[in-house]
Amino acid sequence: MNLKEIQQLIDMINKSDLDEATIEEGEFKITLKKNTVTPALQSIPQPTSAPVVQSAPQTPLPSAAASASAEGNPASDGKDGFVEVHSPIVGTFYRAPSPEADPFVNVNDQIENGNVLCIIEAMKLMNEIESDVSGTVVEILVENGQPVEYGQPLFLIKP
């Protein structure tokens, strides 16, 4: 199961009346649960977020090393005609492949469609986030090592 399929499952659960779904594909198992509120707690404001994703692969997945692109969560027009690149998953944002390495991109860098912009670590898996547009990096909206949410803007790109 790849990142795009997981994102589609999350969207389907969010739009449905289901509170929980478990999907097994070979040795891979994923359980999606909505944050539910009991009637006694409905008066307490609850944060809105994507469902909790729990996965329990018994062996490493081939897609774990493959790059995960932001195509599942298409970039949108930001302010002033810039394109926002959003996080396709919840995890930890890293600008470089290792602490000693140079960042994948910096502000004012020219990028092409498919260039790696960053890595988001989720459940000990490193997911490369690729650009789905060509242009210039105008702003990096997240600090290195910062946790990110699903759908959170990461970069502003001038096409």
N, C-alpha and C. Protein backbone atom coordinates (compact mmCIF):
# COMPACT_ATOMS: atom_id res chain seq x y z
N MET A 1 0.86 -1.17 0.00
CA MET A 1 0.00 0.00 0.00
C MET A 1 0.90 1.22 0.00
N ASN A 2 0.64 2.15 -0.90
CA ASN A 2 1.49 3.33 -0.97
C ASN A 2 0.83 4.52 -0.29
N LEU A 3 1.57 5.62 -0.20
CA LEU A 3 1.12 6.81 0.50
C LEU A 3 -0.16 7.37 -0.11
N LYS A 4 -0.25 7.37 -1.42
CA LYS A 4 -1.45 7.91 -2.09
C LYS A 4 -2.69 7.09 -1.72
N GLU A 5 -2.56 5.78 -1.67
CA GLU A 5 -3.68 4.93 -1.29
C GLU A 5 -4.09 5.17 0.16
N ILE A 6 -3.12 5.38 1.04
CA ILE A 6 -3.42 5.67 2.44
C ILE A 6 -4.15 7.00 2.56
N GLN A 7 -3.71 8.01 1.80
CA GLN A 7 -4.38 9.30 1.82
C GLN A 7 -5.83 9.17 1.33
N GLN A 8 -6.05 8.37 0.30
CA GLN A 8 -7.40 8.17 -0.20
C GLN A 8 -8.26 7.49 0.86
N LEU A 9 -7.70 6.53 1.58
CA LEU A 9 -8.44 5.87 2.66
C LEU A 9 -8.81 6.86 3.75
N ILE A 10 -7.87 7.72 4.12
CA ILE A 10 -8.14 8.74 5.14
C ILE A 10 -9.29 9.64 4.69
N ASP A 11 -9.25 10.10 3.44
CA ASP A 11 -10.31 10.95 2.91
C ASP A 11 -11.65 10.24 2.93
N MET A 12 -11.66 8.96 2.55
CA MET A 12 -12.91 8.20 2.53
C MET A 12 -13.48 8.05 3.94
N ILE A 13 -12.63 7.78 4.92
CA ILE A 13 -13.09 7.64 6.30
C ILE A 13 -13.63 8.98 6.80
N ASN A 14 -12.93 10.08 6.50
CA ASN A 14 -13.39 11.40 6.93
C ASN A 14 -14.76 11.74 6.37
N LYS A 15 -15.05 11.31 5.14
CA LYS A 15 -16.31 11.65 4.48
C LYS A 15 -17.43 10.65 4.79
N SER A 16 -17.10 9.55 5.44
CA SER A 16 -18.10 8.52 5.69
C SER A 16 -18.61 8.59 7.13
N ASP A 17 -19.59 7.73 7.42
CA ASP A 17 -20.12 7.61 8.78
C ASP A 17 -19.33 6.60 9.61
N LEU A 18 -18.36 5.94 9.00
CA LEU A 18 -17.55 4.96 9.72
C LEU A 18 -16.67 5.65 10.76
N ASP A 19 -16.51 5.01 11.91
CA ASP A 19 -15.61 5.52 12.93
C ASP A 19 -14.25 4.84 12.89
N GLU A 20 -14.21 3.63 12.29
CA GLU A 20 -12.98 2.87 12.26
C GLU A 20 -13.00 1.91 11.08
N ALA A 21 -11.83 1.71 10.47
CA ALA A 21 -11.69 0.74 9.39
C ALA A 21 -10.31 0.11 9.49
N THR A 22 -10.25 -1.21 9.27
CA THR A 22 -8.98 -1.93 9.25
C THR A 22 -8.85 -2.59 7.88
N ILE A 23 -7.71 -2.37 7.26
CA ILE A 23 -7.45 -2.92 5.94
C ILE A 23 -6.17 -3.75 6.03
N GLU A 24 -6.22 -4.95 5.49
CA GLU A 24 -5.04 -5.81 5.44
C GLU A 24 -4.73 -6.11 3.98
N GLU A 25 -3.47 -5.95 3.63
CA GLU A 25 -3.00 -6.23 2.28
C GLU A 25 -1.69 -7.00 2.41
N GLY A 26 -1.75 -8.29 2.22
CA GLY A 26 -0.56 -9.11 2.42
C GLY A 26 -0.16 -9.08 3.88
N GLU A 27 1.09 -8.70 4.14
CA GLU A 27 1.58 -8.62 5.51
C GLU A 27 1.40 -7.24 6.11
N PHE A 28 0.80 -6.32 5.36
CA PHE A 28 0.59 -4.95 5.81
C PHE A 28 -0.82 -4.80 6.36
N LYS A 29 -0.93 -4.18 7.52
CA LYS A 29 -2.24 -3.96 8.14
C LYS A 29 -2.30 -2.51 8.61
N ILE A 30 -3.40 -1.81 8.30
CA ILE A 30 -3.56 -0.43 8.72
C ILE A 30 -4.95 -0.27 9.33
N THR A 31 -5.01 0.44 10.43
CA THR A 31 -6.27 0.75 11.09
C THR A 31 -6.43 2.26 11.14
N LEU A 32 -7.55 2.74 10.63
CA LEU A 32 -7.86 4.17 10.64
C LEU A 32 -9.01 4.38 11.60
N LYS A 33 -8.85 5.34 12.50
CA LYS A 33 -9.88 5.64 13.49
C LYS A 33 -10.14 7.14 13.48
N LYS A 34 -11.43 7.50 13.51
CA LYS A 34 -11.79 8.91 13.65
C LYS A 34 -11.70 9.27 15.12
N ASN A 35 -11.39 10.54 15.39
CA ASN A 35 -11.47 11.02 16.76
C ASN A 35 -12.95 11.19 17.06
N THR A 36 -13.44 10.41 18.00
CA THR A 36 -14.86 10.48 18.34
C THR A 36 -15.03 11.16 19.68
N VAL A 37 -16.18 11.80 19.86
CA VAL A 37 -16.49 12.53 21.08
C VAL A 37 -17.70 11.89 21.72
N THR A 38 -17.59 11.56 23.01
CA THR A 38 -18.74 11.01 23.70
C THR A 38 -19.71 12.15 24.00
N PRO A 39 -21.04 11.87 24.12
CA PRO A 39 -22.02 12.94 24.34
C PRO A 39 -21.68 13.83 25.53
N ALA A 40 -21.12 13.29 26.61
CA ALA A 40 -20.79 14.10 27.79
C ALA A 40 -19.68 15.10 27.49
N LEU A 41 -18.86 14.83 26.48
CA LEU A 41 -17.74 15.70 26.16
C LEU A 41 -18.01 16.63 24.99
N GLN A 42 -19.19 16.60 24.42
CA GLN A 42 -19.46 17.40 23.24
C GLN A 42 -19.38 18.90 23.50
N SER A 43 -19.56 19.32 24.74
CA SER A 43 -19.50 20.75 25.04
C SER A 43 -18.06 21.25 25.12
N ILE A 44 -17.10 20.33 25.23
CA ILE A 44 -15.69 20.71 25.28
C ILE A 44 -15.19 20.81 23.86
N PRO A 45 -14.59 21.98 23.46
CA PRO A 45 -14.08 22.09 22.10
C PRO A 45 -13.04 21.02 21.81
N GLN A 46 -13.20 20.34 20.69
CA GLN A 46 -12.29 19.28 20.28
C GLN A 46 -11.51 19.74 19.06
N PRO A 47 -10.21 19.46 19.00
CA PRO A 47 -9.46 19.81 17.79
C PRO A 47 -9.94 18.96 16.63
N THR A 48 -9.95 19.56 15.45
CA THR A 48 -10.30 18.80 14.26
C THR A 48 -9.02 18.34 13.62
N SER A 49 -8.96 17.07 13.30
CA SER A 49 -7.75 16.53 12.70
C SER A 49 -8.10 15.30 11.89
N ALA A 50 -7.12 14.84 11.16
CA ALA A 50 -7.28 13.63 10.36
C ALA A 50 -7.36 12.44 11.31
N PRO A 51 -7.89 11.32 10.84
CA PRO A 51 -7.96 10.15 11.70
C PRO A 51 -6.57 9.69 12.13
N VAL A 52 -6.53 8.99 13.24
CA VAL A 52 -5.29 8.42 13.73
C VAL A 52 -4.93 7.24 12.83
N VAL A 53 -3.69 7.18 12.40
CA VAL A 53 -3.26 6.09 11.53
C VAL A 53 -2.33 5.19 12.33
N GLN A 54 -2.69 3.92 12.42
CA GLN A 54 -1.84 2.95 13.09
C GLN A 54 -1.53 1.88 12.06
N SER A 55 -0.27 1.59 11.86
CA SER A 55 0.06 0.51 10.94
C SER A 55 1.02 -0.44 11.61
N ALA A 56 0.95 -1.68 11.18
CA ALA A 56 1.79 -2.69 11.78
C ALA A 56 2.36 -3.61 10.71
N PRO A 57 3.31 -3.10 9.90
CA PRO A 57 3.90 -3.99 8.91
C PRO A 57 4.79 -5.01 9.61
N GLN A 58 4.71 -6.26 9.14
CA GLN A 58 5.54 -7.30 9.75
C GLN A 58 6.89 -7.40 9.06
N THR A 59 6.97 -6.89 7.84
CA THR A 59 8.24 -6.82 7.13
C THR A 59 8.32 -5.45 6.49
N PRO A 60 9.53 -4.96 6.18
CA PRO A 60 9.63 -3.66 5.54
C PRO A 60 8.87 -3.65 4.21
N LEU A 61 8.20 -2.56 3.96
CA LEU A 61 7.44 -2.43 2.73
C LEU A 61 8.34 -1.94 1.62
N PRO A 62 8.15 -2.41 0.39
CA PRO A 62 8.96 -1.91 -0.71
C PRO A 62 8.76 -0.42 -0.91
N SER A 63 7.55 0.08 -0.64
CA SER A 63 7.27 1.49 -0.86
C SER A 63 7.91 2.37 0.21
N ALA A 64 8.43 1.79 1.29
CA ALA A 64 9.03 2.60 2.34
C ALA A 64 10.25 3.34 1.82
N ALA A 65 11.00 2.71 0.95
CA ALA A 65 12.18 3.37 0.42
C ALA A 65 11.85 4.21 -0.81
N ALA A 66 10.71 3.94 -1.40
CA ALA A 66 10.31 4.71 -2.57
C ALA A 66 9.91 6.10 -2.16
N SER A 67 9.97 6.99 -3.10
CA SER A 67 9.63 8.37 -2.76
C SER A 67 8.12 8.56 -2.74
N ALA A 68 7.67 9.35 -1.79
CA ALA A 68 6.25 9.67 -1.68
C ALA A 68 6.08 11.10 -2.14
N SER A 69 5.26 11.30 -3.13
CA SER A 69 5.13 12.64 -3.68
C SER A 69 3.93 13.35 -3.10
N ALA A 70 3.93 14.65 -3.21
CA ALA A 70 2.82 15.46 -2.71
C ALA A 70 1.66 15.46 -3.68
N GLU A 71 1.72 14.63 -4.72
CA GLU A 71 0.64 14.61 -5.71
C GLU A 71 -0.68 14.17 -5.11
N GLY A 72 -0.67 13.35 -4.07
CA GLY A 72 -1.91 12.92 -3.44
C GLY A 72 -2.61 14.07 -2.77
N ASN A 73 -1.90 15.11 -2.44
CA ASN A 73 -2.46 16.30 -1.84
C ASN A 73 -2.00 17.46 -2.71
N PRO A 74 -2.71 17.71 -3.84
CA PRO A 74 -2.20 18.63 -4.83
C PRO A 74 -1.89 20.00 -4.26
N ALA A 75 -0.85 20.62 -4.83
CA ALA A 75 -0.51 21.97 -4.43
C ALA A 75 -1.65 22.89 -4.81
N SER A 76 -1.81 23.94 -4.05
CA SER A 76 -2.89 24.88 -4.34
C SER A 76 -2.31 26.26 -4.51
N ASP A 77 -3.09 27.12 -5.14
CA ASP A 77 -2.64 28.49 -5.30
C ASP A 77 -2.65 29.18 -3.95
N GLY A 78 -1.52 29.69 -3.56
CA GLY A 78 -1.42 30.45 -2.32
C GLY A 78 -1.67 31.91 -2.64
N LYS A 79 -1.28 32.78 -1.75
CA LYS A 79 -1.47 34.19 -2.00
C LYS A 79 -0.49 34.67 -3.07
N ASP A 80 -0.89 35.71 -3.79
CA ASP A 80 -0.07 36.35 -4.82
C ASP A 80 0.35 35.40 -5.94
N GLY A 81 -0.47 34.38 -6.23
CA GLY A 81 -0.19 33.48 -7.33
C GLY A 81 0.87 32.43 -7.03
N PHE A 82 1.35 32.35 -5.80
CA PHE A 82 2.31 31.32 -5.44
C PHE A 82 1.58 30.00 -5.26
N VAL A 83 2.31 28.91 -5.42
CA VAL A 83 1.75 27.59 -5.22
C VAL A 83 2.24 27.08 -3.87
N GLU A 84 1.30 26.61 -3.05
CA GLU A 84 1.66 26.02 -1.76
C GLU A 84 1.85 24.52 -1.94
N VAL A 85 2.92 23.99 -1.37
CA VAL A 85 3.12 22.54 -1.32
C VAL A 85 2.76 22.12 0.09
N HIS A 86 1.80 21.19 0.20
CA HIS A 86 1.28 20.76 1.50
C HIS A 86 1.87 19.41 1.91
N SER A 87 1.86 19.18 3.20
CA SER A 87 2.30 17.89 3.72
C SER A 87 1.24 16.83 3.43
N PRO A 88 1.63 15.72 2.80
CA PRO A 88 0.66 14.66 2.52
C PRO A 88 0.44 13.72 3.71
N ILE A 89 1.24 13.90 4.78
CA ILE A 89 1.15 13.03 5.95
C ILE A 89 1.50 13.80 7.22
N VAL A 90 1.21 13.18 8.34
CA VAL A 90 1.63 13.70 9.64
C VAL A 90 3.00 13.12 9.93
N GLY A 91 3.92 13.95 10.42
CA GLY A 91 5.25 13.45 10.73
C GLY A 91 6.19 14.56 11.13
N THR A 92 7.48 14.31 11.00
CA THR A 92 8.51 15.28 11.34
C THR A 92 9.20 15.74 10.06
N PHE A 93 9.29 17.05 9.87
CA PHE A 93 9.83 17.69 8.67
C PHE A 93 11.35 17.79 8.77
N TYR A 94 12.03 17.33 7.71
CA TYR A 94 13.49 17.47 7.63
C TYR A 94 13.86 18.07 6.28
N ARG A 95 14.71 19.09 6.30
CA ARG A 95 15.13 19.77 5.07
C ARG A 95 16.25 19.03 4.33
N ALA A 96 16.96 18.13 5.01
CA ALA A 96 18.11 17.44 4.41
C ALA A 96 18.01 15.94 4.69
N PRO A 97 18.72 15.13 3.88
CA PRO A 97 18.67 13.69 4.08
C PRO A 97 19.38 13.21 5.35
N SER A 98 20.28 14.03 5.90
CA SER A 98 20.96 13.71 7.15
C SER A 98 21.39 15.02 7.80
N PRO A 99 21.70 15.00 9.08
CA PRO A 99 22.08 16.24 9.77
C PRO A 99 23.32 16.92 9.17
N GLU A 100 24.22 16.14 8.59
CA GLU A 100 25.46 16.72 8.03
C GLU A 100 25.28 17.19 6.59
N ALA A 101 24.23 16.76 5.92
CA ALA A 101 24.05 17.05 4.49
C ALA A 101 23.45 18.43 4.27
N ASP A 102 23.66 18.94 3.06
CA ASP A 102 23.04 20.20 2.65
C ASP A 102 21.54 20.00 2.47
N PRO A 103 20.74 21.06 2.69
CA PRO A 103 19.30 20.95 2.48
C PRO A 103 18.98 20.61 1.03
N PHE A 104 17.83 19.95 0.83
CA PHE A 104 17.39 19.64 -0.53
C PHE A 104 17.19 20.92 -1.33
N VAL A 105 16.52 21.92 -0.72
CA VAL A 105 16.28 23.21 -1.40
C VAL A 105 16.43 24.34 -0.39
N ASN A 106 16.76 25.51 -0.92
CA ASN A 106 16.82 26.74 -0.14
C ASN A 106 15.93 27.78 -0.80
N VAL A 107 15.65 28.86 -0.10
CA VAL A 107 14.89 29.96 -0.67
C VAL A 107 15.66 30.49 -1.89
N ASN A 108 14.93 30.80 -2.94
CA ASN A 108 15.44 31.31 -4.24
C ASN A 108 16.02 30.22 -5.13
N ASP A 109 15.97 28.95 -4.73
CA ASP A 109 16.43 27.86 -5.59
C ASP A 109 15.41 27.62 -6.71
N GLN A 110 15.92 27.33 -7.90
CA GLN A 110 15.07 26.92 -9.02
C GLN A 110 14.83 25.43 -8.88
N ILE A 111 13.58 25.00 -8.99
CA ILE A 111 13.26 23.59 -8.88
C ILE A 111 12.46 23.14 -10.09
N GLU A 112 12.50 21.85 -10.35
CA GLU A 112 11.75 21.24 -11.44
C GLU A 112 10.71 20.30 -10.85
N ASN A 113 9.69 20.02 -11.64
CA ASN A 113 8.69 19.04 -11.25
C ASN A 113 9.39 17.73 -10.92
N GLY A 114 9.13 17.16 -9.75
CA GLY A 114 9.75 15.90 -9.35
C GLY A 114 10.96 16.05 -8.45
N ASN A 115 11.48 17.28 -8.29
CA ASN A 115 12.61 17.48 -7.37
C ASN A 115 12.18 17.19 -5.93
N VAL A 116 13.07 16.58 -5.16
CA VAL A 116 12.79 16.34 -3.74
C VAL A 116 12.93 17.67 -3.00
N LEU A 117 11.90 18.01 -2.21
CA LEU A 117 11.90 19.25 -1.45
C LEU A 117 12.31 19.03 0.01
N CYS A 118 11.89 17.89 0.57
CA CYS A 118 12.15 17.62 1.97
C CYS A 118 11.87 16.15 2.25
N ILE A 119 12.06 15.76 3.49
CA ILE A 119 11.68 14.43 3.96
C ILE A 119 10.73 14.62 5.13
N ILE A 120 9.70 13.79 5.17
CA ILE A 120 8.83 13.75 6.35
C ILE A 120 8.93 12.35 6.93
N GLU A 121 9.38 12.30 8.18
CA GLU A 121 9.50 11.01 8.86
C GLU A 121 8.17 10.71 9.54
N ALA A 122 7.64 9.54 9.24
CA ALA A 122 6.39 9.09 9.87
C ALA A 122 6.58 7.63 10.26
N MET A 123 6.45 7.33 11.52
CA MET A 123 6.57 5.98 12.04
C MET A 123 7.89 5.32 11.61
N LYS A 124 8.97 6.06 11.73
CA LYS A 124 10.33 5.59 11.41
C LYS A 124 10.55 5.36 9.92
N LEU A 125 9.62 5.80 9.08
CA LEU A 125 9.80 5.72 7.63
C LEU A 125 10.11 7.12 7.10
N MET A 126 11.12 7.22 6.25
CA MET A 126 11.49 8.49 5.66
C MET A 126 10.79 8.62 4.31
N ASN A 127 9.92 9.62 4.17
CA ASN A 127 9.13 9.83 2.96
C ASN A 127 9.62 11.08 2.25
N GLU A 128 10.19 10.91 1.06
CA GLU A 128 10.64 12.06 0.28
C GLU A 128 9.42 12.76 -0.31
N ILE A 129 9.36 14.08 -0.13
CA ILE A 129 8.26 14.87 -0.68
C ILE A 129 8.80 15.60 -1.90
N GLU A 130 8.17 15.32 -3.04
CA GLU A 130 8.62 15.89 -4.31
C GLU A 130 7.72 17.04 -4.72
N SER A 131 8.28 17.95 -5.49
CA SER A 131 7.52 19.06 -6.03
C SER A 131 6.68 18.58 -7.20
N ASP A 132 5.46 19.07 -7.30
CA ASP A 132 4.65 18.76 -8.47
C ASP A 132 4.53 19.97 -9.39
N VAL A 133 5.40 20.98 -9.16
CA VAL A 133 5.46 22.15 -10.03
C VAL A 133 6.93 22.54 -10.22
N SER A 134 7.18 23.25 -11.31
CA SER A 134 8.51 23.83 -11.53
C SER A 134 8.44 25.30 -11.17
N GLY A 135 9.53 25.85 -10.67
CA GLY A 135 9.54 27.26 -10.33
C GLY A 135 10.65 27.60 -9.37
N THR A 136 10.42 28.67 -8.57
CA THR A 136 11.39 29.16 -7.62
C THR A 136 10.83 29.03 -6.21
N VAL A 137 11.65 28.52 -5.29
CA VAL A 137 11.24 28.44 -3.88
C VAL A 137 11.23 29.85 -3.31
N VAL A 138 10.05 30.30 -2.90
CA VAL A 138 9.91 31.65 -2.37
C VAL A 138 10.03 31.65 -0.85
N GLU A 139 9.45 30.62 -0.21
CA GLU A 139 9.49 30.58 1.25
C GLU A 139 9.40 29.13 1.72
N ILE A 140 10.14 28.83 2.79
CA ILE A 140 10.04 27.54 3.47
C ILE A 140 9.30 27.83 4.76
N LEU A 141 8.12 27.25 4.90
CA LEU A 141 7.19 27.62 5.96
C LEU A 141 7.36 26.82 7.25
N VAL A 142 8.27 25.84 7.25
CA VAL A 142 8.43 24.96 8.41
C VAL A 142 9.91 24.90 8.77
N GLU A 143 10.20 24.87 10.07
CA GLU A 143 11.57 24.75 10.55
C GLU A 143 12.01 23.28 10.55
N ASN A 144 13.28 23.05 10.33
CA ASN A 144 13.84 21.70 10.34
C ASN A 144 13.57 21.03 11.68
N GLY A 145 13.09 19.77 11.63
CA GLY A 145 12.83 19.01 12.84
C GLY A 145 11.46 19.27 13.47
N GLN A 146 10.68 20.16 12.86
CA GLN A 146 9.36 20.51 13.41
C GLN A 146 8.31 19.48 13.01
N PRO A 147 7.39 19.13 13.91
CA PRO A 147 6.28 18.24 13.53
C PRO A 147 5.35 18.97 12.56
N VAL A 148 4.80 18.22 11.60
CA VAL A 148 3.85 18.78 10.65
C VAL A 148 2.58 17.95 10.63
N GLU A 149 1.49 18.59 10.26
CA GLU A 149 0.18 17.95 10.18
C GLU A 149 -0.16 17.64 8.73
N TYR A 150 -1.11 16.76 8.53
CA TYR A 150 -1.63 16.46 7.20
C TYR A 150 -2.23 17.73 6.61
N GLY A 151 -1.83 18.10 5.40
CA GLY A 151 -2.37 19.27 4.73
C GLY A 151 -1.70 20.58 5.10
N GLN A 152 -0.74 20.58 6.00
CA GLN A 152 -0.06 21.80 6.42
C GLN A 152 0.82 22.32 5.29
N PRO A 153 0.75 23.62 4.97
CA PRO A 153 1.64 24.18 3.94
C PRO A 153 3.11 24.09 4.38
N LEU A 154 3.97 23.64 3.45
CA LEU A 154 5.38 23.47 3.74
C LEU A 154 6.24 24.50 2.98
N PHE A 155 5.89 24.73 1.71
CA PHE A 155 6.68 25.60 0.85
C PHE A 155 5.76 26.51 0.04
N LEU A 156 6.28 27.68 -0.33
CA LEU A 156 5.63 28.54 -1.32
C LEU A 156 6.54 28.53 -2.55
N ILE A 157 5.96 28.20 -3.70
CA ILE A 157 6.71 28.13 -4.95
C ILE A 157 6.12 29.15 -5.93
N LYS A 158 7.00 29.89 -6.57
CA LYS A 158 6.56 30.80 -7.64
C LYS A 158 6.73 30.05 -8.96
N PRO A 159 5.60 29.70 -9.61
CA PRO A 159 5.70 28.91 -10.85
C PRO A 159 6.39 29.67 -11.97
